[in-house]
Full PDB file with SEQRES, HELIX, SHEET, SSBOND, CRYST1, ORIGX, SCALE, CONECT and MASTER records, all heavy atoms in Angstrom:
SEQRES   1 A   41  ASP LEU GLY ILE ALA LEU VAL ALA ARG TRP GLU GLU GLY          
SEQRES   2 A   41  ARG SER THR VAL VAL SER TRP GLU GLY GLY SER ALA HIS          
SEQRES   3 A   41  VAL ASP LYS MET VAL LEU SER VAL CYS PRO GLY PRO GLY          
SEQRES   4 A   41  ASP HIS                                                      
SHEET    1 AA1 2 ILE A   4  TRP A  20  0                                        
SHEET    2 AA1 2 GLY A  23  PRO A  36 -1                                        
CRYST1    1.000    1.000    1.000  90.00  90.00  90.00 P 1           1          
ORIGX1      1.000000  0.000000  0.000000        0.00000                         
ORIGX2      0.000000  1.000000  0.000000        0.00000                         
ORIGX3      0.000000  0.000000  1.000000        0.00000                         
SCALE1      1.000000  0.000000  0.000000        0.00000                         
SCALE2      0.000000  1.000000  0.000000        0.00000                         
SCALE3      0.000000  0.000000  1.000000        0.00000                         
ATOM      1  N   ASP A   1      40.761 -12.496 -48.454  1.00  0.00           N  
ATOM      2  CA  ASP A   1      40.359 -12.619 -49.860  1.00  0.00           C  
ATOM      3  C   ASP A   1      38.866 -12.912 -49.987  1.00  0.00           C  
ATOM      4  O   ASP A   1      38.180 -12.359 -50.857  1.00  0.00           O  
ATOM      5  CB  ASP A   1      41.156 -13.730 -50.535  1.00  0.00           C  
ATOM      6  CG  ASP A   1      42.629 -13.377 -50.645  1.00  0.00           C  
ATOM      7  OD1 ASP A   1      42.934 -12.161 -50.663  1.00  0.00           O  
ATOM      8  OD2 ASP A   1      43.465 -14.293 -50.700  1.00  0.00           O  
ATOM      9  N   LEU A   2      38.368 -13.798 -49.139  1.00  0.00           N  
ATOM     10  CA  LEU A   2      36.958 -14.160 -49.214  1.00  0.00           C  
ATOM     11  C   LEU A   2      36.070 -13.265 -48.373  1.00  0.00           C  
ATOM     12  O   LEU A   2      34.848 -13.269 -48.531  1.00  0.00           O  
ATOM     13  CB  LEU A   2      36.771 -15.615 -48.767  1.00  0.00           C  
ATOM     14  CG  LEU A   2      37.451 -16.683 -49.630  1.00  0.00           C  
ATOM     15  CD1 LEU A   2      37.225 -18.060 -49.055  1.00  0.00           C  
ATOM     16  CD2 LEU A   2      36.925 -16.625 -51.061  1.00  0.00           C  
ATOM     17  N   GLY A   3      36.667 -12.515 -47.428  1.00  0.00           N  
ATOM     18  CA  GLY A   3      35.876 -11.632 -46.586  1.00  0.00           C  
ATOM     19  C   GLY A   3      34.998 -12.374 -45.606  1.00  0.00           C  
ATOM     20  O   GLY A   3      33.835 -12.000 -45.408  1.00  0.00           O  
ATOM     21  N   ILE A   4      35.535 -13.411 -44.974  1.00  0.00           N  
ATOM     22  CA  ILE A   4      34.762 -14.205 -44.023  1.00  0.00           C  
ATOM     23  C   ILE A   4      35.659 -14.548 -42.849  1.00  0.00           C  
ATOM     24  O   ILE A   4      36.877 -14.723 -43.003  1.00  0.00           O  
ATOM     25  CB  ILE A   4      34.221 -15.493 -44.683  1.00  0.00           C  
ATOM     26  CG1 ILE A   4      33.309 -16.238 -43.715  1.00  0.00           C  
ATOM     27  CG2 ILE A   4      35.337 -16.376 -45.169  1.00  0.00           C  
ATOM     28  CD1 ILE A   4      32.608 -17.417 -44.336  1.00  0.00           C  
ATOM     29  N   ALA A   5      35.094 -14.605 -41.666  1.00  0.00           N  
ATOM     30  CA  ALA A   5      35.836 -14.924 -40.448  1.00  0.00           C  
ATOM     31  C   ALA A   5      35.168 -16.090 -39.739  1.00  0.00           C  
ATOM     32  O   ALA A   5      33.936 -16.198 -39.716  1.00  0.00           O  
ATOM     33  CB  ALA A   5      35.886 -13.712 -39.517  1.00  0.00           C  
ATOM     34  N   LEU A   6      35.986 -16.968 -39.193  1.00  0.00           N  
ATOM     35  CA  LEU A   6      35.510 -18.104 -38.412  1.00  0.00           C  
ATOM     36  C   LEU A   6      35.845 -17.845 -36.950  1.00  0.00           C  
ATOM     37  O   LEU A   6      37.006 -17.609 -36.598  1.00  0.00           O  
ATOM     38  CB  LEU A   6      36.177 -19.398 -38.881  1.00  0.00           C  
ATOM     39  CG  LEU A   6      35.790 -20.667 -38.114  1.00  0.00           C  
ATOM     40  CD1 LEU A   6      34.309 -20.972 -38.296  1.00  0.00           C  
ATOM     41  CD2 LEU A   6      36.638 -21.849 -38.569  1.00  0.00           C  
ATOM     42  N   VAL A   7      34.843 -17.868 -36.081  1.00  0.00           N  
ATOM     43  CA  VAL A   7      34.994 -17.593 -34.648  1.00  0.00           C  
ATOM     44  C   VAL A   7      34.740 -18.886 -33.890  1.00  0.00           C  
ATOM     45  O   VAL A   7      33.737 -19.573 -34.136  1.00  0.00           O  
ATOM     46  CB  VAL A   7      34.016 -16.496 -34.178  1.00  0.00           C  
ATOM     47  CG1 VAL A   7      34.219 -16.187 -32.701  1.00  0.00           C  
ATOM     48  CG2 VAL A   7      34.195 -15.233 -35.018  1.00  0.00           C  
ATOM     49  N   ALA A   8      35.659 -19.237 -32.984  1.00  0.00           N  
ATOM     50  CA  ALA A   8      35.551 -20.473 -32.200  1.00  0.00           C  
ATOM     51  C   ALA A   8      35.583 -20.148 -30.719  1.00  0.00           C  
ATOM     52  O   ALA A   8      36.409 -19.347 -30.263  1.00  0.00           O  
ATOM     53  CB  ALA A   8      36.681 -21.424 -32.561  1.00  0.00           C  
ATOM     54  N   ARG A   9      34.703 -20.784 -29.939  1.00  0.00           N  
ATOM     55  CA  ARG A   9      34.684 -20.664 -28.476  1.00  0.00           C  
ATOM     56  C   ARG A   9      34.804 -22.067 -27.893  1.00  0.00           C  
ATOM     57  O   ARG A   9      34.064 -22.977 -28.278  1.00  0.00           O  
ATOM     58  CB  ARG A   9      33.385 -20.015 -27.991  1.00  0.00           C  
ATOM     59  CG  ARG A   9      33.150 -18.617 -28.499  1.00  0.00           C  
ATOM     60  CD  ARG A   9      32.016 -17.942 -27.729  1.00  0.00           C  
ATOM     61  NE  ARG A   9      30.811 -18.760 -27.665  1.00  0.00           N  
ATOM     62  CZ  ARG A   9      29.872 -18.767 -28.604  1.00  0.00           C  
ATOM     63  NH1 ARG A   9      30.026 -18.021 -29.685  1.00  0.00           N  
ATOM     64  NH2 ARG A   9      28.816 -19.517 -28.478  1.00  0.00           N  
ATOM     65  N   TRP A  10      35.795 -22.233 -26.987  1.00  0.00           N  
ATOM     66  CA  TRP A  10      35.991 -23.542 -26.341  1.00  0.00           C  
ATOM     67  C   TRP A  10      35.093 -23.611 -25.111  1.00  0.00           C  
ATOM     68  O   TRP A  10      35.227 -22.812 -24.168  1.00  0.00           O  
ATOM     69  CB  TRP A  10      37.450 -23.710 -25.934  1.00  0.00           C  
ATOM     70  CG  TRP A  10      38.305 -24.242 -27.048  1.00  0.00           C  
ATOM     71  CD1 TRP A  10      38.665 -25.504 -27.248  1.00  0.00           C  
ATOM     72  CD2 TRP A  10      38.899 -23.487 -28.108  1.00  0.00           C  
ATOM     73  NE1 TRP A  10      39.452 -25.634 -28.369  1.00  0.00           N  
ATOM     74  CE2 TRP A  10      39.620 -24.392 -28.928  1.00  0.00           C  
ATOM     75  CE3 TRP A  10      38.906 -22.136 -28.477  1.00  0.00           C  
ATOM     76  CZ2 TRP A  10      40.325 -24.000 -30.040  1.00  0.00           C  
ATOM     77  CZ3 TRP A  10      39.598 -21.748 -29.603  1.00  0.00           C  
ATOM     78  CH2 TRP A  10      40.303 -22.665 -30.380  1.00  0.00           C  
ATOM     79  N   GLU A  11      34.152 -24.537 -25.112  1.00  0.00           N  
ATOM     80  CA  GLU A  11      33.242 -24.716 -23.986  1.00  0.00           C  
ATOM     81  C   GLU A  11      33.111 -26.201 -23.698  1.00  0.00           C  
ATOM     82  O   GLU A  11      32.826 -26.992 -24.603  1.00  0.00           O  
ATOM     83  CB  GLU A  11      31.865 -24.115 -24.289  1.00  0.00           C  
ATOM     84  CG  GLU A  11      31.877 -22.609 -24.514  1.00  0.00           C  
ATOM     85  CD  GLU A  11      30.478 -22.056 -24.724  1.00  0.00           C  
ATOM     86  OE1 GLU A  11      29.523 -22.782 -24.372  1.00  0.00           O  
ATOM     87  OE2 GLU A  11      30.346 -20.922 -25.216  1.00  0.00           O  
ATOM     88  N   GLU A  12      33.314 -26.571 -22.473  1.00  0.00           N  
ATOM     89  CA  GLU A  12      33.211 -27.970 -22.072  1.00  0.00           C  
ATOM     90  C   GLU A  12      31.749 -28.430 -22.186  1.00  0.00           C  
ATOM     91  O   GLU A  12      30.826 -27.733 -21.732  1.00  0.00           O  
ATOM     92  CB  GLU A  12      33.716 -28.136 -20.637  1.00  0.00           C  
ATOM     93  CG  GLU A  12      33.970 -29.579 -20.229  1.00  0.00           C  
ATOM     94  CD  GLU A  12      35.161 -30.160 -20.966  1.00  0.00           C  
ATOM     95  OE1 GLU A  12      36.072 -29.377 -21.329  1.00  0.00           O  
ATOM     96  OE2 GLU A  12      35.177 -31.385 -21.172  1.00  0.00           O  
ATOM     97  N   GLY A  13      31.578 -29.593 -22.777  1.00  0.00           N  
ATOM     98  CA  GLY A  13      30.228 -30.135 -22.916  1.00  0.00           C  
ATOM     99  C   GLY A  13      29.477 -29.640 -24.137  1.00  0.00           C  
ATOM    100  O   GLY A  13      28.368 -30.089 -24.393  1.00  0.00           O  
ATOM    101  N   ARG A  14      30.056 -28.696 -24.880  1.00  0.00           N  
ATOM    102  CA  ARG A  14      29.416 -28.196 -26.100  1.00  0.00           C  
ATOM    103  C   ARG A  14      30.117 -28.768 -27.330  1.00  0.00           C  
ATOM    104  O   ARG A  14      31.266 -29.213 -27.250  1.00  0.00           O  
ATOM    105  CB  ARG A  14      29.475 -26.661 -26.158  1.00  0.00           C  
ATOM    106  CG  ARG A  14      28.677 -25.958 -25.078  1.00  0.00           C  
ATOM    107  CD  ARG A  14      27.186 -26.078 -25.357  1.00  0.00           C  
ATOM    108  NE  ARG A  14      26.827 -25.492 -26.626  1.00  0.00           N  
ATOM    109  CZ  ARG A  14      26.592 -24.193 -26.835  1.00  0.00           C  
ATOM    110  NH1 ARG A  14      26.665 -23.345 -25.820  1.00  0.00           N  
ATOM    111  NH2 ARG A  14      26.256 -23.746 -28.030  1.00  0.00           N  
ATOM    112  N   SER A  15      29.463 -28.749 -28.445  1.00  0.00           N  
ATOM    113  CA  SER A  15      30.054 -29.210 -29.703  1.00  0.00           C  
ATOM    114  C   SER A  15      29.305 -28.546 -30.845  1.00  0.00           C  
ATOM    115  O   SER A  15      28.252 -27.928 -30.660  1.00  0.00           O  
ATOM    116  CB  SER A  15      29.966 -30.735 -29.829  1.00  0.00           C  
ATOM    117  OG  SER A  15      28.615 -31.149 -29.845  1.00  0.00           O  
ATOM    118  N   THR A  16      29.885 -28.681 -32.029  1.00  0.00           N  
ATOM    119  CA  THR A  16      29.288 -28.127 -33.248  1.00  0.00           C  
ATOM    120  C   THR A  16      29.154 -29.252 -34.265  1.00  0.00           C  
ATOM    121  O   THR A  16      30.123 -29.946 -34.559  1.00  0.00           O  
ATOM    122  CB  THR A  16      30.153 -27.001 -33.836  1.00  0.00           C  
ATOM    123  OG1 THR A  16      30.277 -25.960 -32.878  1.00  0.00           O  
ATOM    124  CG2 THR A  16      29.513 -26.449 -35.118  1.00  0.00           C  
ATOM    125  N   VAL A  17      27.953 -29.421 -34.783  1.00  0.00           N  
ATOM    126  CA  VAL A  17      27.679 -30.441 -35.795  1.00  0.00           C  
ATOM    127  C   VAL A  17      27.206 -29.736 -37.061  1.00  0.00           C  
ATOM    128  O   VAL A  17      26.207 -29.013 -37.036  1.00  0.00           O  
ATOM    129  CB  VAL A  17      26.617 -31.450 -35.321  1.00  0.00           C  
ATOM    130  CG1 VAL A  17      26.337 -32.478 -36.431  1.00  0.00           C  
ATOM    131  CG2 VAL A  17      27.071 -32.152 -34.052  1.00  0.00           C  
ATOM    132  N   VAL A  18      27.935 -29.944 -38.147  1.00  0.00           N  
ATOM    133  CA  VAL A  18      27.608 -29.369 -39.445  1.00  0.00           C  
ATOM    134  C   VAL A  18      27.370 -30.529 -40.409  1.00  0.00           C  
ATOM    135  O   VAL A  18      28.222 -31.417 -40.528  1.00  0.00           O  
ATOM    136  CB  VAL A  18      28.735 -28.451 -39.965  1.00  0.00           C  
ATOM    137  CG1 VAL A  18      28.342 -27.856 -41.314  1.00  0.00           C  
ATOM    138  CG2 VAL A  18      29.043 -27.358 -38.965  1.00  0.00           C  
ATOM    139  N   SER A  19      26.268 -30.537 -41.092  1.00  0.00           N  
ATOM    140  CA  SER A  19      25.950 -31.624 -42.017  1.00  0.00           C  
ATOM    141  C   SER A  19      25.795 -31.076 -43.426  1.00  0.00           C  
ATOM    142  O   SER A  19      25.506 -29.895 -43.634  1.00  0.00           O  
ATOM    143  CB  SER A  19      24.658 -32.339 -41.584  1.00  0.00           C  
ATOM    144  OG  SER A  19      23.573 -31.430 -41.563  1.00  0.00           O  
ATOM    145  N   TRP A  20      25.989 -31.958 -44.382  1.00  0.00           N  
ATOM    146  CA  TRP A  20      25.792 -31.651 -45.789  1.00  0.00           C  
ATOM    147  C   TRP A  20      25.328 -32.919 -46.477  1.00  0.00           C  
ATOM    148  O   TRP A  20      25.315 -33.983 -45.863  1.00  0.00           O  
ATOM    149  CB  TRP A  20      27.084 -31.110 -46.419  1.00  0.00           C  
ATOM    150  CG  TRP A  20      28.201 -32.112 -46.432  1.00  0.00           C  
ATOM    151  CD1 TRP A  20      28.544 -32.957 -47.421  1.00  0.00           C  
ATOM    152  CD2 TRP A  20      29.118 -32.388 -45.354  1.00  0.00           C  
ATOM    153  NE1 TRP A  20      29.604 -33.739 -47.069  1.00  0.00           N  
ATOM    154  CE2 TRP A  20      29.987 -33.401 -45.796  1.00  0.00           C  
ATOM    155  CE3 TRP A  20      29.308 -31.886 -44.072  1.00  0.00           C  
ATOM    156  CZ2 TRP A  20      30.999 -33.918 -45.004  1.00  0.00           C  
ATOM    157  CZ3 TRP A  20      30.324 -32.397 -43.293  1.00  0.00           C  
ATOM    158  CH2 TRP A  20      31.158 -33.385 -43.750  1.00  0.00           C  
ATOM    159  N   GLU A  21      24.967 -32.795 -47.704  1.00  0.00           N  
ATOM    160  CA  GLU A  21      24.492 -33.965 -48.447  1.00  0.00           C  
ATOM    161  C   GLU A  21      25.638 -34.951 -48.615  1.00  0.00           C  
ATOM    162  O   GLU A  21      26.598 -34.694 -49.306  1.00  0.00           O  
ATOM    163  CB  GLU A  21      23.961 -33.551 -49.820  1.00  0.00           C  
ATOM    164  CG  GLU A  21      23.369 -34.721 -50.595  1.00  0.00           C  
ATOM    165  CD  GLU A  21      22.839 -34.308 -51.955  1.00  0.00           C  
ATOM    166  OE1 GLU A  21      22.907 -33.101 -52.247  1.00  0.00           O  
ATOM    167  OE2 GLU A  21      22.367 -35.179 -52.695  1.00  0.00           O  
ATOM    168  N   GLY A  22      25.529 -36.090 -47.963  1.00  0.00           N  
ATOM    169  CA  GLY A  22      26.557 -37.095 -48.066  1.00  0.00           C  
ATOM    170  C   GLY A  22      27.398 -37.268 -46.824  1.00  0.00           C  
ATOM    171  O   GLY A  22      28.252 -38.151 -46.783  1.00  0.00           O  
ATOM    172  N   GLY A  23      27.200 -36.472 -45.762  1.00  0.00           N  
ATOM    173  CA  GLY A  23      28.004 -36.646 -44.558  1.00  0.00           C  
ATOM    174  C   GLY A  23      27.771 -35.531 -43.560  1.00  0.00           C  
ATOM    175  O   GLY A  23      26.935 -34.641 -43.750  1.00  0.00           O  
ATOM    176  N   SER A  24      28.535 -35.590 -42.463  1.00  0.00           N  
ATOM    177  CA  SER A  24      28.440 -34.574 -41.417  1.00  0.00           C  
ATOM    178  C   SER A  24      29.770 -34.517 -40.685  1.00  0.00           C  
ATOM    179  O   SER A  24      30.572 -35.451 -40.724  1.00  0.00           O  
ATOM    180  CB  SER A  24      27.301 -34.900 -40.443  1.00  0.00           C  
ATOM    181  OG  SER A  24      27.547 -36.137 -39.797  1.00  0.00           O  
ATOM    182  N   ALA A  25      30.036 -33.375 -40.030  1.00  0.00           N  
ATOM    183  CA  ALA A  25      31.267 -33.166 -39.266  1.00  0.00           C  
ATOM    184  C   ALA A  25      30.901 -32.801 -37.835  1.00  0.00           C  
ATOM    185  O   ALA A  25      29.986 -32.003 -37.599  1.00  0.00           O  
ATOM    186  CB  ALA A  25      32.118 -32.075 -39.905  1.00  0.00           C  
ATOM    187  N   HIS A  26      31.593 -33.402 -36.862  1.00  0.00           N  
ATOM    188  CA  HIS A  26      31.352 -33.182 -35.442  1.00  0.00           C  
ATOM    189  C   HIS A  26      32.622 -32.604 -34.819  1.00  0.00           C  
ATOM    190  O   HIS A  26      33.658 -33.269 -34.784  1.00  0.00           O  
ATOM    191  CB  HIS A  26      30.975 -34.500 -34.758  1.00  0.00           C  
ATOM    192  CG  HIS A  26      30.602 -34.328 -33.313  1.00  0.00           C  
ATOM    193  ND1 HIS A  26      29.289 -34.307 -32.877  1.00  0.00           N  
ATOM    194  CD2 HIS A  26      31.361 -34.154 -32.210  1.00  0.00           C  
ATOM    195  CE1 HIS A  26      29.277 -34.150 -31.561  1.00  0.00           C  
ATOM    196  NE2 HIS A  26      30.523 -34.050 -31.144  1.00  0.00           N  
ATOM    197  N   VAL A  27      32.561 -31.377 -34.374  1.00  0.00           N  
ATOM    198  CA  VAL A  27      33.708 -30.699 -33.741  1.00  0.00           C  
ATOM    199  C   VAL A  27      33.425 -30.638 -32.243  1.00  0.00           C  
ATOM    200  O   VAL A  27      32.527 -29.917 -31.796  1.00  0.00           O  
ATOM    201  CB  VAL A  27      33.915 -29.293 -34.329  1.00  0.00           C  
ATOM    202  CG1 VAL A  27      35.181 -28.668 -33.752  1.00  0.00           C  
ATOM    203  CG2 VAL A  27      34.006 -29.362 -35.837  1.00  0.00           C  
ATOM    204  N   ASP A  28      34.189 -31.396 -31.453  1.00  0.00           N  
ATOM    205  CA  ASP A  28      33.924 -31.536 -30.033  1.00  0.00           C  
ATOM    206  C   ASP A  28      34.505 -30.354 -29.254  1.00  0.00           C  
ATOM    207  O   ASP A  28      35.580 -29.818 -29.580  1.00  0.00           O  
ATOM    208  CB  ASP A  28      34.529 -32.849 -29.525  1.00  0.00           C  
ATOM    209  CG  ASP A  28      34.002 -33.226 -28.159  1.00  0.00           C  
ATOM    210  OD1 ASP A  28      32.910 -32.746 -27.800  1.00  0.00           O  
ATOM    211  OD2 ASP A  28      34.670 -34.008 -27.459  1.00  0.00           O  
ATOM    212  N   LYS A  29      33.782 -29.942 -28.214  1.00  0.00           N  
ATOM    213  CA  LYS A  29      34.213 -28.902 -27.269  1.00  0.00           C  
ATOM    214  C   LYS A  29      34.447 -27.557 -27.930  1.00  0.00           C  
ATOM    215  O   LYS A  29      35.178 -26.721 -27.412  1.00  0.00           O  
ATOM    216  CB  LYS A  29      35.484 -29.340 -26.534  1.00  0.00           C  
ATOM    217  CG  LYS A  29      35.324 -30.597 -25.706  1.00  0.00           C  
ATOM    218  CD  LYS A  29      36.615 -30.965 -25.002  1.00  0.00           C  
ATOM    219  CE  LYS A  29      36.468 -32.257 -24.196  1.00  0.00           C  
ATOM    220  NZ  LYS A  29      37.720 -32.627 -23.527  1.00  0.00           N  
ATOM    221  N   MET A  30      33.839 -27.287 -29.063  1.00  0.00           N  
ATOM    222  CA  MET A  30      33.992 -26.007 -29.745  1.00  0.00           C  
ATOM    223  C   MET A  30      32.643 -25.555 -30.278  1.00  0.00           C  
ATOM    224  O   MET A  30      31.866 -26.361 -30.795  1.00  0.00           O  
ATOM    225  CB  MET A  30      34.992 -26.104 -30.902  1.00  0.00           C  
ATOM    226  CG  MET A  30      36.427 -26.377 -30.486  1.00  0.00           C  
ATOM    227  SD  MET A  30      37.530 -26.504 -31.913  1.00  0.00           S  
ATOM    228  CE  MET A  30      37.388 -24.835 -32.556  1.00  0.00           C  
ATOM    229  N   VAL A  31      32.379 -24.268 -30.155  1.00  0.00           N  
ATOM    230  CA  VAL A  31      31.182 -23.645 -30.711  1.00  0.00           C  
ATOM    231  C   VAL A  31      31.648 -22.726 -31.834  1.00  0.00           C  
ATOM    232  O   VAL A  31      32.380 -21.764 -31.601  1.00  0.00           O  
ATOM    233  CB  VAL A  31      30.394 -22.858 -29.653  1.00  0.00           C  
ATOM    234  CG1 VAL A  31      29.167 -22.218 -30.291  1.00  0.00           C  
ATOM    235  CG2 VAL A  31      29.989 -23.778 -28.517  1.00  0.00           C  
ATOM    236  N   LEU A  32      31.265 -23.033 -33.053  1.00  0.00           N  
ATOM    237  CA  LEU A  32      31.754 -22.318 -34.225  1.00  0.00           C  
ATOM    238  C   LEU A  32      30.665 -21.425 -34.794  1.00  0.00           C  
ATOM    239  O   LEU A  32      29.480 -21.775 -34.794  1.00  0.00           O  
ATOM    240  CB  LEU A  32      32.211 -23.301 -35.300  1.00  0.00           C  
ATOM    241  CG  LEU A  32      33.328 -24.267 -34.923  1.00  0.00           C  
ATOM    242  CD1 LEU A  32      33.602 -25.223 -36.068  1.00  0.00           C  
ATOM    243  CD2 LEU A  32      34.586 -23.504 -34.551  1.00  0.00           C  
ATOM    244  N   SER A  33      31.108 -20.265 -35.306  1.00  0.00           N  
ATOM    245  CA  SER A  33      30.215 -19.355 -36.004  1.00  0.00           C  
ATOM    246  C   SER A  33      31.026 -18.601 -37.038  1.00  0.00           C  
ATOM    247  O   SER A  33      32.254 -18.543 -36.966  1.00  0.00           O  
ATOM    248  CB  SER A  33      29.548 -18.373 -35.026  1.00  0.00           C  
ATOM    249  OG  SER A  33      30.535 -17.592 -34.359  1.00  0.00           O  
ATOM    250  N   VAL A  34      30.331 -18.038 -38.015  1.00  0.00           N  
ATOM    251  CA  VAL A  34      30.985 -17.252 -39.057  1.00  0.00           C  
ATOM    252  C   VAL A  34      30.368 -15.875 -39.094  1.00  0.00           C  
ATOM    253  O   VAL A  34      29.205 -15.673 -38.727  1.00  0.00           O  
ATOM    254  CB  VAL A  34      30.848 -17.934 -40.440  1.00  0.00           C  
ATOM    255  CG1 VAL A  34      31.628 -19.221 -40.484  1.00  0.00           C  
ATOM    256  CG2 VAL A  34      29.396 -18.173 -40.785  1.00  0.00           C  
ATOM    257  N   CYS A  35      31.192 -14.899 -39.539  1.00  0.00           N  
ATOM    258  CA  CYS A  35      30.735 -13.529 -39.670  1.00  0.00           C  
ATOM    259  C   CYS A  35      31.575 -12.840 -40.729  1.00  0.00           C  
ATOM    260  O   CYS A  35      32.632 -13.333 -41.108  1.00  0.00           O  
ATOM    261  CB  CYS A  35      30.835 -12.789 -38.334  1.00  0.00           C  
ATOM    262  SG  CYS A  35      32.502 -12.796 -37.655  1.00  0.00           S  
ATOM    263  N   PRO A  36      31.113 -11.715 -41.234  1.00  0.00           N  
ATOM    264  CA  PRO A  36      31.920 -11.004 -42.230  1.00  0.00           C  
ATOM    265  C   PRO A  36      33.237 -10.540 -41.622  1.00  0.00           C  
ATOM    266  O   PRO A  36      33.323 -10.205 -40.444  1.00  0.00           O  
ATOM    267  CB  PRO A  36      31.039  -9.832 -42.649  1.00  0.00           C  
ATOM    268  CG  PRO A  36      29.656 -10.230 -42.245  1.00  0.00           C  
ATOM    269  CD  PRO A  36      29.800 -11.077 -41.029  1.00  0.00           C  
ATOM    270  N   GLY A  37      34.291 -10.563 -42.419  1.00  0.00           N  
ATOM    271  CA  GLY A  37      35.595 -10.126 -41.936  1.00  0.00           C  
ATOM    272  C   GLY A  37      36.334  -9.418 -43.046  1.00  0.00           C  
ATOM    273  O   GLY A  37      36.004  -9.505 -44.225  1.00  0.00           O  
ATOM    274  N   PRO A  38      37.427  -8.670 -42.689  1.00  0.00           N  
ATOM    275  CA  PRO A  38      37.847  -8.385 -41.316  1.00  0.00           C  
ATOM    276  C   PRO A  38      36.982  -7.287 -40.679  1.00  0.00           C  
ATOM    277  O   PRO A  38      36.292  -6.575 -41.366  1.00  0.00           O  
ATOM    278  CB  PRO A  38      39.289  -7.913 -41.501  1.00  0.00           C  
ATOM    279  CG  PRO A  38      39.284  -7.284 -42.861  1.00  0.00           C  
ATOM    280  CD  PRO A  38      38.340  -8.090 -43.697  1.00  0.00           C  
ATOM    281  N   GLY A  39      37.036  -7.179 -39.335  1.00  0.00           N  
ATOM    282  CA  GLY A  39      36.267  -6.182 -38.611  1.00  0.00           C  
ATOM    283  C   GLY A  39      36.334  -6.422 -37.128  1.00  0.00           C  
ATOM    284  O   GLY A  39      37.028  -7.317 -36.653  1.00  0.00           O  
ATOM    285  N   ASP A  40      35.574  -5.673 -36.350  1.00  0.00           N  
ATOM    286  CA  ASP A  40      35.562  -5.799 -34.903  1.00  0.00           C  
ATOM    287  C   ASP A  40      34.459  -6.757 -34.489  1.00  0.00           C  
ATOM    288  O   ASP A  40      33.305  -6.585 -34.863  1.00  0.00           O  
ATOM    289  CB  ASP A  40      35.322  -4.428 -34.277  1.00  0.00           C  
ATOM    290  CG  ASP A  40      35.405  -4.494 -32.767  1.00  0.00           C  
ATOM    291  OD1 ASP A  40      35.953  -5.488 -32.269  1.00  0.00           O  
ATOM    292  OD2 ASP A  40      34.925  -3.569 -32.117  1.00  0.00           O  
ATOM    293  N   HIS A  41      34.808  -7.796 -33.740  1.00  0.00           N  
ATOM    294  CA  HIS A  41      33.829  -8.813 -33.319  1.00  0.00           C  
ATOM    295  C   HIS A  41      33.895  -8.932 -31.799  1.00  0.00           C  
ATOM    296  O   HIS A  41      34.792  -9.557 -31.253  1.00  0.00           O  
ATOM    297  CB  HIS A  41      34.132 -10.170 -33.977  1.00  0.00           C  
ATOM    298  CG  HIS A  41      34.165 -10.088 -35.472  1.00  0.00           C  
ATOM    299  ND1 HIS A  41      33.039 -10.075 -36.247  1.00  0.00           N  
ATOM    300  CD2 HIS A  41      35.220  -9.979 -36.326  1.00  0.00           C  
ATOM    301  CE1 HIS A  41      33.372  -9.997 -37.531  1.00  0.00           C  
ATOM    302  NE2 HIS A  41      34.698  -9.925 -37.588  1.00  0.00           N  
TER     303      HIS A  41                                                      
MASTER        0    0    0    0    2    0    0    6  302    1    0    4          
END                                                                             
């Protein structure tokens, strides 16, 4: 519906930190990215 895809890669020792006004989120052992979807990635 939104035309967006979330891609996750599990890597030891890596993490993803996303911040916004008022807080932040820490996702351990995962590398996150977004791309248009659906499609071939």
